[in-house]
Amino acid sequence: MPRPMKCRRVEHEPEYTCFKPAGVPQRDLDEVILTVEELEAIRLKDMENLEQEDCAERMQVSRPTFVRILNSARAKIADALLRGKMLKVEGGNYRLATSWLRCKACAYEFEIPLSRLQQVEKAVCPRCQGQELEEQNCRKQGHNHKHRRCRRGWQSEYKEH
């Protein structure tokens, strides 16, 4: 029996999930499915120009696993581009990287995607609408929120407690 697949850490959900050749109806095209973690591997390596070791660390997988994910993604992208197929981004075995914030006014803690952490100046507390927020260190003693488990498929949700 094979070992269960380790969940991959993804920092950014894709804004666009379907790409196709111009002028060809979607119903006439074959599809290539690129998983969310394969797209993340492309983003880290090719857009952020990180070394493979750094990419693997950010996705919380081994370097050989990262290389396999990256090679699979590049092969699928090449197939779609060279053979005129529609490329869809969906599914996979990943968890969205998140950060916990705490409202200084009412002490409410809530979770936001890591990709939105850069916009924390614009964020507001969902409970009191306060704008004074601080990032929480999850390793701090006494910090007891439940972390999300791995998910398969395409979901986008925010978890509060």
C-alpha atoms as a PDB file:
ATOM      1  CA  MET A   1       0.000   0.000   0.000  1.00  0.00           C
ATOM      2  CA  PRO A   2       1.518   3.383  -0.978  1.00  0.00           C
ATOM      3  CA  ARG A   3       2.272   5.999   1.610  1.00  0.00           C
ATOM      4  CA  PRO A   4      -0.313   8.830   1.820  1.00  0.00           C
ATOM      5  CA  MET A   5       0.708  11.938  -0.099  1.00  0.00           C
ATOM      6  CA  LYS A   6       2.072  14.755   2.051  1.00  0.00           C
ATOM      7  CA  CYS A   7       0.057  17.942   1.890  1.00  0.00           C
ATOM      8  CA  ARG A   8       1.773  20.779   0.017  1.00  0.00           C
ATOM      9  CA  ARG A   9       1.816  24.333   1.366  1.00  0.00           C
ATOM     10  CA  VAL A  10       0.532  26.929  -1.111  1.00  0.00           C
ATOM     11  CA  GLU A  11       0.899  30.666  -0.456  1.00  0.00           C
ATOM     12  CA  HIS A  12      -1.214  32.057  -3.305  1.00  0.00           C
ATOM     13  CA  GLU A  13      -4.498  30.908  -4.765  1.00  0.00           C
ATOM     14  CA  PRO A  14      -4.654  31.557  -8.497  1.00  0.00           C
ATOM     15  CA  GLU A  15      -6.825  34.432  -9.681  1.00  0.00           C
ATOM     16  CA  TYR A  16      -7.320  32.884 -13.110  1.00  0.00           C
ATOM     17  CA  THR A  17      -8.016  29.199 -13.495  1.00  0.00           C
ATOM     18  CA  CYS A  18      -8.586  28.630 -17.203  1.00  0.00           C
ATOM     19  CA  PHE A  19      -6.417  29.457 -20.224  1.00  0.00           C
ATOM     20  CA  LYS A  20      -7.215  28.545 -23.816  1.00  0.00           C
ATOM     21  CA  PRO A  21      -6.116  29.366 -27.334  1.00  0.00           C
ATOM     22  CA  ALA A  22      -7.852  32.451 -28.736  1.00  0.00           C
ATOM     23  CA  GLY A  23     -10.516  31.931 -31.367  1.00  0.00           C
ATOM     24  CA  VAL A  24     -11.200  28.272 -30.589  1.00  0.00           C
ATOM     25  CA  PRO A  25     -14.453  27.342 -28.806  1.00  0.00           C
ATOM     26  CA  GLN A  26     -13.896  25.710 -25.437  1.00  0.00           C
ATOM     27  CA  ARG A  27     -15.989  22.670 -26.387  1.00  0.00           C
ATOM     28  CA  ASP A  28     -13.537  21.854 -29.221  1.00  0.00           C
ATOM     29  CA  LEU A  29     -10.464  21.766 -26.971  1.00  0.00           C
ATOM     30  CA  ASP A  30      -8.833  18.987 -24.998  1.00  0.00           C
ATOM     31  CA  GLU A  31      -8.006  19.891 -21.395  1.00  0.00           C
ATOM     32  CA  VAL A  32      -4.817  19.720 -19.385  1.00  0.00           C
ATOM     33  CA  ILE A  33      -5.317  19.921 -15.611  1.00  0.00           C
ATOM     34  CA  LEU A  34      -2.614  21.748 -13.653  1.00  0.00           C
ATOM     35  CA  THR A  35      -2.958  21.299  -9.890  1.00  0.00           C
ATOM     36  CA  VAL A  36      -2.752  24.234  -7.496  1.00  0.00           C
ATOM     37  CA  GLU A  37       0.541  22.968  -6.042  1.00  0.00           C
ATOM     38  CA  GLU A  38       2.041  22.617  -9.544  1.00  0.00           C
ATOM     39  CA  LEU A  39       1.155  26.238 -10.237  1.00  0.00           C
ATOM     40  CA  GLU A  40       2.718  27.220  -6.887  1.00  0.00           C
ATOM     41  CA  ALA A  41       5.937  25.425  -7.878  1.00  0.00           C
ATOM     42  CA  ILE A  42       6.035  27.408 -11.153  1.00  0.00           C
ATOM     43  CA  ARG A  43       5.379  30.647  -9.258  1.00  0.00           C
ATOM     44  CA  LEU A  44       8.135  30.065  -6.719  1.00  0.00           C
ATOM     45  CA  LYS A  45      10.789  28.837  -9.148  1.00  0.00           C
ATOM     46  CA  ASP A  46      10.064  30.804 -12.318  1.00  0.00           C
ATOM     47  CA  MET A  47       8.402  33.990 -11.064  1.00  0.00           C
ATOM     48  CA  GLU A  48      10.250  34.514  -7.767  1.00  0.00           C
ATOM     49  CA  ASN A  49      13.502  32.971  -9.111  1.00  0.00           C
ATOM     50  CA  LEU A  50      14.130  31.025  -5.908  1.00  0.00           C
ATOM     51  CA  GLU A  51      16.535  28.104  -5.643  1.00  0.00           C
ATOM     52  CA  GLN A  52      14.964  24.647  -5.583  1.00  0.00           C
ATOM     53  CA  GLU A  53      15.913  24.131  -1.949  1.00  0.00           C
ATOM     54  CA  ASP A  54      14.178  27.375  -0.939  1.00  0.00           C
ATOM     55  CA  CYS A  55      11.098  26.523  -2.998  1.00  0.00           C
ATOM     56  CA  ALA A  56      10.879  23.078  -1.407  1.00  0.00           C
ATOM     57  CA  GLU A  57      11.187  24.601   2.047  1.00  0.00           C
ATOM     58  CA  ARG A  58       8.388  27.101   1.377  1.00  0.00           C
ATOM     59  CA  MET A  59       6.111  24.340   0.076  1.00  0.00           C
ATOM     60  CA  GLN A  60       7.184  22.104   2.998  1.00  0.00           C
ATOM     61  CA  VAL A  61       8.219  19.179   0.798  1.00  0.00           C
ATOM     62  CA  SER A  62      11.571  17.550   0.078  1.00  0.00           C
ATOM     63  CA  ARG A  63      13.725  18.917  -2.741  1.00  0.00           C
ATOM     64  CA  PRO A  64      13.256  15.783  -4.918  1.00  0.00           C
ATOM     65  CA  THR A  65       9.488  16.047  -4.444  1.00  0.00           C
ATOM     66  CA  PHE A  66       9.600  19.718  -5.412  1.00  0.00           C
ATOM     67  CA  VAL A  67      11.538  18.846  -8.576  1.00  0.00           C
ATOM     68  CA  ARG A  68       8.930  16.212  -9.498  1.00  0.00           C
ATOM     69  CA  ILE A  69       6.095  18.723  -8.973  1.00  0.00           C
ATOM     70  CA  LEU A  70       7.928  21.364 -11.026  1.00  0.00           C
ATOM     71  CA  ASN A  71       8.754  18.968 -13.891  1.00  0.00           C
ATOM     72  CA  SER A  72       5.152  17.753 -14.000  1.00  0.00           C
ATOM     73  CA  ALA A  73       3.883  21.348 -14.161  1.00  0.00           C
ATOM     74  CA  ARG A  74       6.292  22.335 -16.919  1.00  0.00           C
ATOM     75  CA  ALA A  75       5.395  19.250 -18.976  1.00  0.00           C
ATOM     76  CA  LYS A  76       1.679  20.022 -18.690  1.00  0.00           C
ATOM     77  CA  ILE A  77       2.176  23.675 -19.641  1.00  0.00           C
ATOM     78  CA  ALA A  78       4.300  22.700 -22.652  1.00  0.00           C
ATOM     79  CA  ASP A  79       1.665  20.157 -23.730  1.00  0.00           C
ATOM     80  CA  ALA A  80      -1.098  22.775 -23.541  1.00  0.00           C
ATOM     81  CA  LEU A  81       0.890  25.449 -25.380  1.00  0.00           C
ATOM     82  CA  LEU A  82       2.343  23.273 -28.136  1.00  0.00           C
ATOM     83  CA  ARG A  83      -0.761  21.202 -28.826  1.00  0.00           C
ATOM     84  CA  GLY A  84      -3.356  23.956 -28.458  1.00  0.00           C
ATOM     85  CA  LYS A  85      -5.091  22.533 -25.394  1.00  0.00           C
ATOM     86  CA  MET A  86      -7.019  24.347 -22.708  1.00  0.00           C
ATOM     87  CA  LEU A  87      -5.110  24.637 -19.425  1.00  0.00           C
ATOM     88  CA  LYS A  88      -7.229  24.442 -16.254  1.00  0.00           C
ATOM     89  CA  VAL A  89      -5.916  25.021 -12.744  1.00  0.00           C
ATOM     90  CA  GLU A  90      -7.831  22.943 -10.238  1.00  0.00           C
ATOM     91  CA  GLY A  91      -7.577  20.328  -7.548  1.00  0.00           C
ATOM     92  CA  GLY A  92      -4.507  18.930  -5.914  1.00  0.00           C
ATOM     93  CA  ASN A  93      -3.397  18.042  -2.423  1.00  0.00           C
ATOM     94  CA  TYR A  94      -2.570  21.306  -0.702  1.00  0.00           C
ATOM     95  CA  ARG A  95      -3.278  23.626   2.180  1.00  0.00           C
ATOM     96  CA  LEU A  96      -3.402  27.364   1.915  1.00  0.00           C
ATOM     97  CA  ALA A  97      -0.714  29.090   3.979  1.00  0.00           C
ATOM     98  CA  THR A  98      -2.368  31.364   6.500  1.00  0.00           C
ATOM     99  CA  SER A  99      -1.465  33.764   9.230  1.00  0.00           C
ATOM    100  CA  TRP A 100      -3.299  34.556  12.458  1.00  0.00           C
ATOM    101  CA  LEU A 101      -4.088  38.156  13.360  1.00  0.00           C
ATOM    102  CA  ARG A 102      -5.214  39.568  16.691  1.00  0.00           C
ATOM    103  CA  CYS A 103      -7.247  42.716  17.130  1.00  0.00           C
ATOM    104  CA  LYS A 104      -5.656  45.004  19.717  1.00  0.00           C
ATOM    105  CA  ALA A 105      -9.027  46.554  20.589  1.00  0.00           C
ATOM    106  CA  CYS A 106     -11.107  43.433  21.350  1.00  0.00           C
ATOM    107  CA  ALA A 107      -8.434  40.651  21.419  1.00  0.00           C
ATOM    108  CA  TYR A 108     -10.298  38.676  18.726  1.00  0.00           C
ATOM    109  CA  GLU A 109      -8.083  36.269  16.768  1.00  0.00           C
ATOM    110  CA  PHE A 110      -8.779  35.334  13.175  1.00  0.00           C
ATOM    111  CA  GLU A 111      -7.024  33.676  10.262  1.00  0.00           C
ATOM    112  CA  ILE A 112      -6.301  35.208   6.844  1.00  0.00           C
ATOM    113  CA  PRO A 113      -4.481  33.809   3.790  1.00  0.00           C
ATOM    114  CA  LEU A 114      -0.779  34.601   3.790  1.00  0.00           C
ATOM    115  CA  SER A 115      -1.163  36.250   0.383  1.00  0.00           C
ATOM    116  CA  ARG A 116      -3.434  38.882   2.005  1.00  0.00           C
ATOM    117  CA  LEU A 117      -1.029  39.552   4.871  1.00  0.00           C
ATOM    118  CA  GLN A 118       0.674  42.268   2.785  1.00  0.00           C
ATOM    119  CA  GLN A 119      -2.651  44.111   2.858  1.00  0.00           C
ATOM    120  CA  VAL A 120      -2.940  43.936   6.657  1.00  0.00           C
ATOM    121  CA  GLU A 121      -2.938  47.755   6.829  1.00  0.00           C
ATOM    122  CA  LYS A 122      -6.301  47.670   5.014  1.00  0.00           C
ATOM    123  CA  ALA A 123      -7.700  44.757   7.031  1.00  0.00           C
ATOM    124  CA  VAL A 124     -10.294  45.197   9.750  1.00  0.00           C
ATOM    125  CA  CYS A 125     -11.376  43.027  12.652  1.00  0.00           C
ATOM    126  CA  PRO A 126     -14.488  41.018  11.703  1.00  0.00           C
ATOM    127  CA  ARG A 127     -15.873  41.426  15.236  1.00  0.00           C
ATOM    128  CA  CYS A 128     -15.399  45.125  16.105  1.00  0.00           C
ATOM    129  CA  GLN A 129     -14.188  46.585  12.773  1.00  0.00           C
ATOM    130  CA  GLY A 130     -10.999  47.740  14.532  1.00  0.00           C
ATOM    131  CA  GLN A 131      -7.979  48.470  12.364  1.00  0.00           C
ATOM    132  CA  GLU A 132      -5.229  47.904  14.953  1.00  0.00           C
ATOM    133  CA  LEU A 133      -4.164  44.330  14.141  1.00  0.00           C
ATOM    134  CA  GLU A 134      -1.039  42.382  15.011  1.00  0.00           C
ATOM    135  CA  GLU A 135       0.282  39.134  13.600  1.00  0.00           C
ATOM    136  CA  GLN A 136       0.273  36.219  16.059  1.00  0.00           C
ATOM    137  CA  ASN A 137       3.203  33.876  16.552  1.00  0.00           C
ATOM    138  CA  CYS A 138       1.696  30.371  16.494  1.00  0.00           C
ATOM    139  CA  ARG A 139       4.593  28.886  18.438  1.00  0.00           C
ATOM    140  CA  LYS A 140       4.023  31.211  21.364  1.00  0.00           C
ATOM    141  CA  GLN A 141       3.021  29.351  24.536  1.00  0.00           C
ATOM    142  CA  GLY A 142      -0.654  29.469  25.288  1.00  0.00           C
ATOM    143  CA  HIS A 143      -1.589  30.102  21.667  1.00  0.00           C
ATOM    144  CA  ASN A 144      -4.151  27.431  21.016  1.00  0.00           C
ATOM    145  CA  HIS A 145      -5.912  27.821  17.709  1.00  0.00           C
ATOM    146  CA  LYS A 146      -6.566  24.815  15.521  1.00  0.00           C
ATOM    147  CA  HIS A 147      -4.648  24.666  12.289  1.00  0.00           C
ATOM    148  CA  ARG A 148      -6.265  23.667   9.035  1.00  0.00           C
ATOM    149  CA  ARG A 149      -5.817  20.227   7.670  1.00  0.00           C
ATOM    150  CA  CYS A 150      -4.827  19.403   4.166  1.00  0.00           C
ATOM    151  CA  ARG A 151      -7.530  19.689   1.562  1.00  0.00           C
ATOM    152  CA  ARG A 152      -7.996  18.052  -1.761  1.00  0.00           C
ATOM    153  CA  GLY A 153      -9.619  20.054  -4.472  1.00  0.00           C
ATOM    154  CA  TRP A 154     -10.454  23.689  -4.982  1.00  0.00           C
ATOM    155  CA  GLN A 155     -11.837  25.545  -1.979  1.00  0.00           C
ATOM    156  CA  SER A 156     -11.505  29.051  -0.723  1.00  0.00           C
ATOM    157  CA  GLU A 157     -12.670  29.915   2.755  1.00  0.00           C
ATOM    158  CA  TYR A 158     -11.569  31.900   5.763  1.00  0.00           C
ATOM    159  CA  LYS A 159     -11.667  30.317   9.189  1.00  0.00           C
ATOM    160  CA  GLU A 160     -12.363  32.370  12.292  1.00  0.00           C
ATOM    161  CA  HIS A 161     -12.688  31.455  15.955  1.00  0.00           C
END
